[in-house]
């Protein structure tokens, strides 16, 4: 319980037993780009049904590490899947549900690469080439420009303390 709110913390892909199985496939097995997108949305549908919607119905707050904006960035921007197809899946799976607030932690590509270098094992997304990540970042920033009332870009080159202060202000505003 934080600030008088019961909070559910979860992630995508994953968040449910089936979602975690799909996560393992998505992060570690090469597949057709459309299969990847479909599995992401299949995991999301299960996540909504089993975790997110029940939590919201119980009056809880949900914090999810990634949601549909990530699909528009990775599968759309990174992989090049047409946004129309992703919007169809989004409409079908989410039935209009969107986050109240999305935090986009943004850093230049060089900083992200330095931070990833500290990882022990890189999944297949993290092993992508620089141009892939540039497309992903641009797609995220375009999505933030498209939905400025919901998506806040956080300059993550700053210190943890500075970022924490900004996050507390944003969350207090909900």
N, C-alpha and C. Protein backbone atom coordinates (compact mmCIF):
# COMPACT_ATOMS: atom_id res chain seq x y z
N UNK A 1 0.86 -1.18 0.00
CA UNK A 1 0.00 0.00 0.00
C UNK A 1 0.90 1.23 0.00
N UNK A 2 0.76 2.08 -1.00
CA UNK A 2 1.55 3.30 -1.12
C UNK A 2 0.61 4.49 -1.22
N UNK A 3 0.87 5.52 -0.39
CA UNK A 3 0.08 6.75 -0.42
C UNK A 3 -1.41 6.47 -0.36
N UNK A 4 -1.77 5.47 0.42
CA UNK A 4 -3.18 5.15 0.58
C UNK A 4 -3.78 4.36 -0.56
N UNK A 5 -2.98 3.92 -1.49
CA UNK A 5 -3.47 3.14 -2.63
C UNK A 5 -2.88 1.75 -2.62
N UNK A 6 -3.70 0.77 -2.92
CA UNK A 6 -3.18 -0.57 -3.10
C UNK A 6 -2.70 -0.65 -4.55
N UNK A 7 -1.47 -1.12 -4.72
CA UNK A 7 -0.82 -1.10 -6.03
C UNK A 7 -0.47 -2.52 -6.47
N UNK A 8 -0.73 -2.82 -7.73
CA UNK A 8 -0.33 -4.08 -8.35
C UNK A 8 0.78 -3.74 -9.34
N UNK A 9 1.94 -4.37 -9.19
CA UNK A 9 3.07 -4.14 -10.08
C UNK A 9 3.22 -5.38 -10.96
N UNK A 10 3.30 -5.16 -12.26
CA UNK A 10 3.34 -6.26 -13.20
C UNK A 10 4.20 -5.88 -14.40
N UNK A 11 4.27 -6.76 -15.41
CA UNK A 11 5.10 -6.47 -16.58
C UNK A 11 4.55 -7.12 -17.83
N UNK A 12 5.01 -6.58 -18.96
CA UNK A 12 4.69 -7.16 -20.27
C UNK A 12 5.96 -7.28 -21.09
N UNK A 13 6.05 -8.30 -21.91
CA UNK A 13 5.15 -9.44 -21.86
C UNK A 13 5.35 -10.19 -20.55
N UNK A 14 4.33 -10.85 -20.15
CA UNK A 14 4.38 -11.60 -18.90
C UNK A 14 3.21 -11.25 -18.02
N UNK A 15 3.44 -11.27 -16.71
CA UNK A 15 2.42 -10.88 -15.76
C UNK A 15 1.47 -11.97 -15.33
N UNK A 16 1.42 -13.05 -16.09
CA UNK A 16 0.59 -14.21 -15.77
C UNK A 16 1.43 -15.46 -16.09
N UNK A 17 1.03 -16.63 -15.60
CA UNK A 17 1.80 -17.83 -15.97
C UNK A 17 1.90 -18.02 -17.49
N UNK A 18 0.78 -17.87 -18.21
CA UNK A 18 0.84 -18.00 -19.67
C UNK A 18 1.68 -16.88 -20.27
N UNK A 19 1.51 -15.67 -19.76
CA UNK A 19 2.28 -14.54 -20.25
C UNK A 19 3.77 -14.73 -20.07
N UNK A 20 4.18 -15.33 -18.96
CA UNK A 20 5.60 -15.58 -18.72
C UNK A 20 6.14 -16.63 -19.70
N UNK A 21 5.33 -17.62 -20.04
CA UNK A 21 5.73 -18.60 -21.04
C UNK A 21 5.91 -17.91 -22.39
N UNK A 22 4.94 -17.05 -22.75
CA UNK A 22 5.04 -16.31 -24.01
C UNK A 22 6.25 -15.37 -23.99
N UNK A 23 6.54 -14.76 -22.83
CA UNK A 23 7.71 -13.90 -22.69
C UNK A 23 8.99 -14.66 -23.04
N UNK A 24 9.09 -15.88 -22.50
CA UNK A 24 10.27 -16.70 -22.80
C UNK A 24 10.42 -16.94 -24.28
N UNK A 25 9.32 -17.23 -24.95
CA UNK A 25 9.37 -17.42 -26.41
C UNK A 25 9.77 -16.13 -27.12
N UNK A 26 9.13 -15.04 -26.74
CA UNK A 26 9.37 -13.76 -27.41
C UNK A 26 10.80 -13.26 -27.23
N UNK A 27 11.36 -13.44 -26.06
CA UNK A 27 12.69 -12.90 -25.79
C UNK A 27 13.83 -13.80 -26.27
N UNK A 28 13.53 -15.08 -26.48
CA UNK A 28 14.62 -16.02 -26.74
C UNK A 28 14.53 -16.83 -28.03
N UNK A 29 13.45 -16.68 -28.79
CA UNK A 29 13.30 -17.48 -30.01
C UNK A 29 13.02 -16.57 -31.20
N UNK A 30 13.79 -16.76 -32.25
CA UNK A 30 13.56 -16.02 -33.49
C UNK A 30 12.21 -16.44 -34.06
N UNK A 31 11.49 -15.46 -34.63
CA UNK A 31 10.17 -15.74 -35.21
C UNK A 31 9.83 -14.67 -36.23
N UNK A 32 8.83 -14.95 -37.02
CA UNK A 32 8.35 -13.98 -37.99
C UNK A 32 7.86 -12.74 -37.24
N UNK A 33 8.06 -11.58 -37.81
CA UNK A 33 7.69 -10.34 -37.12
C UNK A 33 6.20 -10.26 -36.81
N UNK A 34 5.35 -10.82 -37.66
CA UNK A 34 3.91 -10.79 -37.36
C UNK A 34 3.56 -11.77 -36.24
N UNK A 35 4.25 -12.89 -36.17
CA UNK A 35 4.06 -13.83 -35.06
C UNK A 35 4.42 -13.14 -33.75
N UNK A 36 5.53 -12.39 -33.78
CA UNK A 36 5.95 -11.65 -32.60
C UNK A 36 4.86 -10.69 -32.14
N UNK A 37 4.31 -9.92 -33.05
CA UNK A 37 3.26 -8.96 -32.69
C UNK A 37 2.02 -9.67 -32.14
N UNK A 38 1.62 -10.75 -32.78
CA UNK A 38 0.45 -11.48 -32.32
C UNK A 38 0.67 -12.07 -30.93
N UNK A 39 1.85 -12.61 -30.68
CA UNK A 39 2.14 -13.15 -29.35
C UNK A 39 2.18 -12.05 -28.29
N UNK A 40 2.68 -10.87 -28.64
CA UNK A 40 2.67 -9.75 -27.70
C UNK A 40 1.24 -9.41 -27.29
N UNK A 41 0.37 -9.33 -28.29
CA UNK A 41 -1.02 -8.99 -27.98
C UNK A 41 -1.76 -10.15 -27.32
N UNK A 42 -1.39 -11.38 -27.61
CA UNK A 42 -1.98 -12.52 -26.90
C UNK A 42 -1.61 -12.47 -25.42
N UNK A 43 -0.35 -12.19 -25.15
CA UNK A 43 0.10 -12.05 -23.76
C UNK A 43 -0.64 -10.90 -23.09
N UNK A 44 -0.81 -9.79 -23.81
CA UNK A 44 -1.51 -8.62 -23.26
C UNK A 44 -2.97 -8.96 -22.94
N UNK A 45 -3.64 -9.69 -23.81
CA UNK A 45 -5.04 -10.04 -23.57
C UNK A 45 -5.17 -10.85 -22.27
N UNK A 46 -4.28 -11.82 -22.10
CA UNK A 46 -4.30 -12.64 -20.90
C UNK A 46 -3.98 -11.78 -19.66
N UNK A 47 -3.03 -10.89 -19.82
CA UNK A 47 -2.63 -9.97 -18.76
C UNK A 47 -3.81 -9.10 -18.32
N UNK A 48 -4.52 -8.59 -19.28
CA UNK A 48 -5.70 -7.77 -18.98
C UNK A 48 -6.75 -8.60 -18.24
N UNK A 49 -7.04 -9.78 -18.77
CA UNK A 49 -8.11 -10.61 -18.20
C UNK A 49 -7.78 -11.12 -16.80
N UNK A 50 -6.52 -11.50 -16.58
CA UNK A 50 -6.16 -12.15 -15.33
C UNK A 50 -5.62 -11.21 -14.26
N UNK A 51 -5.03 -10.07 -14.66
CA UNK A 51 -4.37 -9.20 -13.68
C UNK A 51 -4.92 -7.78 -13.68
N UNK A 52 -4.84 -7.12 -14.82
CA UNK A 52 -5.12 -5.68 -14.86
C UNK A 52 -6.59 -5.37 -14.59
N UNK A 53 -7.51 -5.96 -15.34
CA UNK A 53 -8.93 -5.64 -15.16
C UNK A 53 -9.44 -6.01 -13.77
N UNK A 54 -9.11 -7.20 -13.23
CA UNK A 54 -9.56 -7.49 -11.87
C UNK A 54 -9.00 -6.49 -10.84
N UNK A 55 -7.75 -6.08 -11.01
CA UNK A 55 -7.17 -5.10 -10.08
C UNK A 55 -7.89 -3.77 -10.17
N UNK A 56 -8.14 -3.30 -11.37
CA UNK A 56 -8.84 -2.02 -11.55
C UNK A 56 -10.25 -2.09 -10.98
N UNK A 57 -10.94 -3.22 -11.23
CA UNK A 57 -12.29 -3.39 -10.70
C UNK A 57 -12.31 -3.39 -9.17
N UNK A 58 -11.21 -3.81 -8.56
CA UNK A 58 -11.10 -3.82 -7.09
C UNK A 58 -10.61 -2.48 -6.55
N UNK A 59 -10.46 -1.49 -7.44
CA UNK A 59 -10.04 -0.16 -7.01
C UNK A 59 -8.54 0.00 -6.81
N UNK A 60 -7.77 -0.94 -7.29
CA UNK A 60 -6.31 -0.88 -7.13
C UNK A 60 -5.68 -0.10 -8.28
N UNK A 61 -4.51 0.42 -8.04
CA UNK A 61 -3.71 1.04 -9.10
C UNK A 61 -2.83 -0.06 -9.70
N UNK A 62 -2.60 0.02 -11.01
CA UNK A 62 -1.76 -0.95 -11.70
C UNK A 62 -0.57 -0.22 -12.30
N UNK A 63 0.61 -0.72 -11.98
CA UNK A 63 1.85 -0.23 -12.59
C UNK A 63 2.40 -1.37 -13.42
N UNK A 64 2.48 -1.15 -14.72
CA UNK A 64 2.97 -2.20 -15.61
C UNK A 64 4.24 -1.72 -16.32
N UNK A 65 5.25 -2.55 -16.26
CA UNK A 65 6.47 -2.30 -17.02
C UNK A 65 6.15 -2.69 -18.45
N UNK A 66 5.79 -1.71 -19.24
CA UNK A 66 5.40 -1.78 -20.65
C UNK A 66 3.91 -2.11 -20.80
N UNK A 67 3.39 -1.62 -21.93
CA UNK A 67 2.02 -1.89 -22.35
C UNK A 67 1.99 -1.64 -23.86
N UNK A 68 0.91 -1.25 -24.42
CA UNK A 68 0.76 -1.19 -25.87
C UNK A 68 1.69 -0.19 -26.55
N UNK A 69 2.07 0.88 -25.89
CA UNK A 69 3.00 1.81 -26.54
C UNK A 69 4.28 1.08 -26.93
N UNK A 70 4.68 0.09 -26.15
CA UNK A 70 5.86 -0.69 -26.49
C UNK A 70 5.66 -1.47 -27.78
N UNK A 71 4.46 -1.96 -28.04
CA UNK A 71 4.20 -2.67 -29.30
C UNK A 71 4.30 -1.72 -30.49
N UNK A 72 3.78 -0.51 -30.32
CA UNK A 72 3.90 0.47 -31.41
C UNK A 72 5.36 0.85 -31.64
N UNK A 73 6.16 0.85 -30.57
CA UNK A 73 7.58 1.19 -30.72
C UNK A 73 8.38 0.02 -31.27
N UNK A 74 8.29 -1.15 -30.64
CA UNK A 74 9.12 -2.28 -31.04
C UNK A 74 8.62 -2.98 -32.30
N UNK A 75 7.35 -3.38 -32.31
CA UNK A 75 6.84 -4.08 -33.48
C UNK A 75 6.55 -3.12 -34.63
N UNK A 76 6.07 -1.91 -34.30
CA UNK A 76 5.81 -0.92 -35.34
C UNK A 76 7.08 -0.23 -35.80
N UNK A 77 7.70 0.54 -34.92
CA UNK A 77 8.90 1.28 -35.30
C UNK A 77 10.09 0.38 -35.58
N UNK A 78 10.37 -0.53 -34.66
CA UNK A 78 11.55 -1.39 -34.80
C UNK A 78 11.43 -2.41 -35.91
N UNK A 79 10.30 -3.11 -35.95
CA UNK A 79 10.13 -4.19 -36.93
C UNK A 79 9.44 -3.73 -38.22
N UNK A 80 8.78 -2.58 -38.17
CA UNK A 80 8.16 -2.06 -39.39
C UNK A 80 6.76 -2.55 -39.66
N UNK A 81 6.09 -3.11 -38.67
CA UNK A 81 4.69 -3.53 -38.88
C UNK A 81 3.83 -2.27 -38.99
N UNK A 82 2.93 -2.30 -39.94
CA UNK A 82 2.05 -1.16 -40.20
C UNK A 82 1.22 -0.84 -38.95
N UNK A 83 1.18 0.45 -38.62
CA UNK A 83 0.45 0.91 -37.44
C UNK A 83 -1.03 0.57 -37.49
N UNK A 84 -1.61 0.48 -38.68
CA UNK A 84 -3.03 0.13 -38.81
C UNK A 84 -3.28 -1.26 -38.25
N UNK A 85 -2.39 -2.20 -38.54
CA UNK A 85 -2.55 -3.56 -38.01
C UNK A 85 -2.45 -3.56 -36.48
N UNK A 86 -1.50 -2.79 -35.96
CA UNK A 86 -1.34 -2.73 -34.50
C UNK A 86 -2.55 -2.07 -33.85
N UNK A 87 -3.12 -1.04 -34.49
CA UNK A 87 -4.32 -0.41 -33.92
C UNK A 87 -5.51 -1.37 -33.92
N UNK A 88 -5.62 -2.21 -34.93
CA UNK A 88 -6.69 -3.21 -34.96
C UNK A 88 -6.54 -4.16 -33.78
N UNK A 89 -5.32 -4.64 -33.57
CA UNK A 89 -5.07 -5.54 -32.42
C UNK A 89 -5.32 -4.82 -31.10
N UNK A 90 -4.87 -3.57 -31.02
CA UNK A 90 -5.07 -2.77 -29.80
C UNK A 90 -6.56 -2.63 -29.49
N UNK A 91 -7.35 -2.29 -30.50
CA UNK A 91 -8.79 -2.12 -30.30
C UNK A 91 -9.44 -3.43 -29.87
N UNK A 92 -9.05 -4.51 -30.51
CA UNK A 92 -9.64 -5.82 -30.21
C UNK A 92 -9.27 -6.27 -28.80
N UNK A 93 -8.00 -6.19 -28.46
CA UNK A 93 -7.51 -6.72 -27.19
C UNK A 93 -7.90 -5.82 -26.02
N UNK A 94 -7.78 -4.51 -26.18
CA UNK A 94 -7.96 -3.59 -25.05
C UNK A 94 -9.36 -3.00 -24.93
N UNK A 95 -10.11 -3.04 -25.99
CA UNK A 95 -11.49 -2.55 -25.99
C UNK A 95 -11.58 -1.15 -25.38
N UNK A 96 -10.64 -0.29 -25.81
CA UNK A 96 -10.66 1.11 -25.39
C UNK A 96 -9.87 1.43 -24.14
N UNK A 97 -9.41 0.42 -23.42
CA UNK A 97 -8.65 0.67 -22.19
C UNK A 97 -7.27 1.22 -22.52
N UNK A 98 -6.91 2.32 -21.90
CA UNK A 98 -5.59 2.93 -22.03
C UNK A 98 -5.10 3.31 -20.64
N UNK A 99 -3.78 3.37 -20.46
CA UNK A 99 -3.26 3.83 -19.17
C UNK A 99 -3.65 5.29 -18.92
N UNK A 100 -3.76 5.66 -17.65
CA UNK A 100 -3.98 7.06 -17.29
C UNK A 100 -2.70 7.85 -17.48
N UNK A 101 -1.56 7.19 -17.26
CA UNK A 101 -0.26 7.84 -17.36
C UNK A 101 0.75 6.82 -17.86
N UNK A 102 1.53 7.22 -18.85
CA UNK A 102 2.62 6.40 -19.35
C UNK A 102 3.91 7.19 -19.20
N UNK A 103 4.89 6.57 -18.58
CA UNK A 103 6.19 7.21 -18.37
C UNK A 103 7.18 6.63 -19.37
N UNK A 104 7.71 7.49 -20.20
CA UNK A 104 8.70 7.08 -21.20
C UNK A 104 10.06 7.56 -20.73
N UNK A 105 10.85 6.63 -20.23
CA UNK A 105 12.19 6.95 -19.74
C UNK A 105 13.12 6.99 -20.95
N UNK A 106 13.50 8.20 -21.32
CA UNK A 106 14.25 8.41 -22.56
C UNK A 106 15.70 8.74 -22.30
N UNK A 107 16.58 8.05 -23.02
CA UNK A 107 18.01 8.35 -23.00
C UNK A 107 18.53 8.23 -24.43
N UNK A 108 19.60 8.96 -24.74
CA UNK A 108 20.23 8.78 -26.06
C UNK A 108 20.68 7.33 -26.22
N UNK A 109 20.77 6.89 -27.45
CA UNK A 109 21.13 5.51 -27.76
C UNK A 109 22.46 5.10 -27.14
N UNK A 110 23.43 6.00 -27.14
CA UNK A 110 24.76 5.66 -26.59
C UNK A 110 24.66 5.34 -25.09
N UNK A 111 23.85 6.09 -24.37
CA UNK A 111 23.67 5.86 -22.93
C UNK A 111 22.98 4.52 -22.71
N UNK A 112 21.96 4.24 -23.50
CA UNK A 112 21.25 2.96 -23.38
C UNK A 112 22.21 1.79 -23.63
N UNK A 113 23.05 1.92 -24.64
CA UNK A 113 24.01 0.85 -24.95
C UNK A 113 24.99 0.63 -23.80
N UNK A 114 25.46 1.72 -23.19
CA UNK A 114 26.39 1.60 -22.06
C UNK A 114 25.70 0.87 -20.90
N UNK A 115 24.45 1.20 -20.66
CA UNK A 115 23.73 0.55 -19.57
C UNK A 115 23.47 -0.91 -19.87
N UNK A 116 23.17 -1.23 -21.14
CA UNK A 116 22.94 -2.62 -21.52
C UNK A 116 24.21 -3.44 -21.41
N UNK A 117 25.36 -2.81 -21.63
CA UNK A 117 26.63 -3.52 -21.56
C UNK A 117 26.86 -4.13 -20.18
N UNK A 118 26.23 -3.56 -19.18
CA UNK A 118 26.36 -4.07 -17.81
C UNK A 118 25.52 -5.32 -17.58
N UNK A 119 24.60 -5.62 -18.50
CA UNK A 119 23.74 -6.80 -18.36
C UNK A 119 24.56 -8.07 -18.57
N UNK A 120 24.19 -9.10 -17.84
CA UNK A 120 24.90 -10.38 -17.97
C UNK A 120 24.49 -11.07 -19.27
N UNK A 121 23.19 -11.21 -19.48
CA UNK A 121 22.67 -11.89 -20.66
C UNK A 121 21.71 -10.97 -21.39
N UNK A 122 21.94 -10.81 -22.68
CA UNK A 122 21.06 -9.97 -23.49
C UNK A 122 20.05 -10.85 -24.22
N UNK A 123 18.75 -10.44 -24.18
CA UNK A 123 17.74 -11.19 -24.93
C UNK A 123 17.82 -10.79 -26.40
N UNK A 124 16.97 -11.39 -27.24
CA UNK A 124 17.10 -11.14 -28.68
C UNK A 124 16.75 -9.70 -29.06
N UNK A 125 15.94 -9.01 -28.29
CA UNK A 125 15.66 -7.60 -28.56
C UNK A 125 16.90 -6.76 -28.24
N UNK A 126 17.49 -7.03 -27.09
CA UNK A 126 18.66 -6.26 -26.65
C UNK A 126 19.87 -6.47 -27.54
N UNK A 127 19.87 -7.55 -28.33
CA UNK A 127 20.97 -7.84 -29.24
C UNK A 127 20.81 -7.17 -30.61
N UNK A 128 19.70 -6.48 -30.80
CA UNK A 128 19.47 -5.82 -32.09
C UNK A 128 20.52 -4.75 -32.36
N UNK A 129 20.61 -4.37 -33.62
CA UNK A 129 21.58 -3.36 -34.05
C UNK A 129 21.08 -1.94 -33.72
N UNK A 130 21.99 -1.00 -33.81
CA UNK A 130 21.71 0.38 -33.42
C UNK A 130 20.54 0.98 -34.19
N UNK A 131 20.42 0.69 -35.49
CA UNK A 131 19.32 1.29 -36.28
C UNK A 131 17.96 0.83 -35.79
N UNK A 132 17.86 -0.40 -35.30
CA UNK A 132 16.62 -0.91 -34.73
C UNK A 132 16.22 -0.04 -33.53
N UNK A 133 17.17 0.20 -32.63
CA UNK A 133 16.87 0.98 -31.43
C UNK A 133 16.59 2.44 -31.75
N UNK A 134 17.20 2.94 -32.80
CA UNK A 134 16.90 4.32 -33.21
C UNK A 134 15.45 4.40 -33.70
N UNK A 135 15.01 3.40 -34.46
CA UNK A 135 13.61 3.37 -34.93
C UNK A 135 12.64 3.22 -33.75
N UNK A 136 13.01 2.36 -32.78
CA UNK A 136 12.17 2.16 -31.59
C UNK A 136 12.05 3.48 -30.83
N UNK A 137 13.16 4.14 -30.60
CA UNK A 137 13.14 5.41 -29.85
C UNK A 137 12.31 6.45 -30.58
N UNK A 138 12.48 6.56 -31.89
CA UNK A 138 11.71 7.54 -32.66
C UNK A 138 10.22 7.23 -32.61
N UNK A 139 9.87 5.94 -32.66
CA UNK A 139 8.46 5.55 -32.58
C UNK A 139 7.88 5.89 -31.20
N UNK A 140 8.65 5.65 -30.15
CA UNK A 140 8.19 6.03 -28.80
C UNK A 140 7.97 7.54 -28.72
N UNK A 141 8.93 8.31 -29.21
CA UNK A 141 8.81 9.77 -29.14
C UNK A 141 7.65 10.27 -30.00
N UNK A 142 7.41 9.64 -31.14
CA UNK A 142 6.27 10.01 -31.98
C UNK A 142 4.96 9.70 -31.26
N UNK A 143 4.92 8.57 -30.59
CA UNK A 143 3.72 8.19 -29.83
C UNK A 143 3.48 9.18 -28.69
N UNK A 144 4.56 9.61 -28.04
CA UNK A 144 4.44 10.60 -26.96
C UNK A 144 3.92 11.93 -27.51
N UNK A 145 4.35 12.31 -28.70
CA UNK A 145 3.86 13.55 -29.32
C UNK A 145 2.39 13.40 -29.71
N UNK A 146 1.99 12.20 -30.08
CA UNK A 146 0.61 11.93 -30.48
C UNK A 146 -0.34 11.95 -29.27
N UNK A 147 0.15 11.52 -28.12
CA UNK A 147 -0.68 11.42 -26.91
C UNK A 147 -0.03 12.15 -25.74
N UNK A 148 0.18 13.46 -25.85
CA UNK A 148 0.89 14.20 -24.80
C UNK A 148 0.12 14.27 -23.48
N UNK A 149 -1.19 14.10 -23.52
CA UNK A 149 -1.97 14.15 -22.28
C UNK A 149 -1.75 12.90 -21.43
N UNK A 150 -1.24 11.83 -22.03
CA UNK A 150 -1.06 10.56 -21.33
C UNK A 150 0.41 10.17 -21.18
N UNK A 151 1.21 10.45 -22.18
CA UNK A 151 2.60 9.99 -22.18
C UNK A 151 3.53 11.13 -21.80
N UNK A 152 4.29 10.92 -20.74
CA UNK A 152 5.27 11.91 -20.28
C UNK A 152 6.67 11.38 -20.56
N UNK A 153 7.47 12.17 -21.25
CA UNK A 153 8.85 11.79 -21.55
C UNK A 153 9.73 12.24 -20.38
N UNK A 154 10.44 11.29 -19.81
CA UNK A 154 11.30 11.53 -18.66
C UNK A 154 12.75 11.51 -19.14
N UNK A 155 13.44 12.63 -18.98
CA UNK A 155 14.86 12.71 -19.33
C UNK A 155 15.63 11.86 -18.34
N UNK A 156 16.04 10.69 -18.78
CA UNK A 156 16.68 9.74 -17.87
C UNK A 156 18.20 9.81 -17.89
N UNK A 157 18.73 10.90 -18.42
CA UNK A 157 20.17 11.14 -18.29
C UNK A 157 20.48 11.81 -16.96
N UNK A 158 19.45 12.25 -16.27
CA UNK A 158 19.62 12.93 -14.98
C UNK A 158 19.87 11.92 -13.88
N UNK A 159 20.11 12.44 -12.68
CA UNK A 159 20.35 11.55 -11.53
C UNK A 159 19.05 10.86 -11.13
N UNK A 160 19.20 9.77 -10.41
CA UNK A 160 18.04 9.04 -9.90
C UNK A 160 17.20 9.95 -9.01
N UNK A 161 17.85 10.77 -8.18
CA UNK A 161 17.12 11.68 -7.28
C UNK A 161 16.29 12.69 -8.08
N UNK A 162 16.84 13.23 -9.15
CA UNK A 162 16.10 14.19 -9.97
C UNK A 162 14.91 13.52 -10.65
N UNK A 163 15.13 12.33 -11.14
CA UNK A 163 14.04 11.59 -11.81
C UNK A 163 12.96 11.25 -10.79
N UNK A 164 13.35 10.80 -9.61
CA UNK A 164 12.39 10.46 -8.54
C UNK A 164 11.51 11.66 -8.21
N UNK A 165 12.09 12.83 -8.10
CA UNK A 165 11.34 14.04 -7.79
C UNK A 165 10.29 14.31 -8.87
N UNK A 166 10.68 14.18 -10.13
CA UNK A 166 9.72 14.39 -11.22
C UNK A 166 8.61 13.34 -11.18
N UNK A 167 8.97 12.10 -10.93
CA UNK A 167 7.96 11.04 -10.86
C UNK A 167 6.97 11.27 -9.73
N UNK A 168 7.45 11.68 -8.58
CA UNK A 168 6.56 11.95 -7.46
C UNK A 168 5.57 13.07 -7.80
N UNK A 169 6.03 14.08 -8.49
CA UNK A 169 5.14 15.18 -8.91
C UNK A 169 4.08 14.66 -9.88
N UNK A 170 4.49 13.86 -10.84
CA UNK A 170 3.54 13.32 -11.83
C UNK A 170 2.52 12.42 -11.16
N UNK A 171 2.95 11.56 -10.27
CA UNK A 171 2.04 10.62 -9.61
C UNK A 171 1.11 11.35 -8.66
N UNK A 172 1.62 12.35 -7.96
CA UNK A 172 0.76 13.15 -7.09
C UNK A 172 -0.35 13.83 -7.87
N UNK A 173 -0.10 14.11 -9.15
CA UNK A 173 -1.07 14.78 -9.98
C UNK A 173 -2.19 13.90 -10.50
N UNK A 174 -2.07 12.58 -10.28
CA UNK A 174 -3.12 11.68 -10.77
C UNK A 174 -4.37 11.77 -9.93
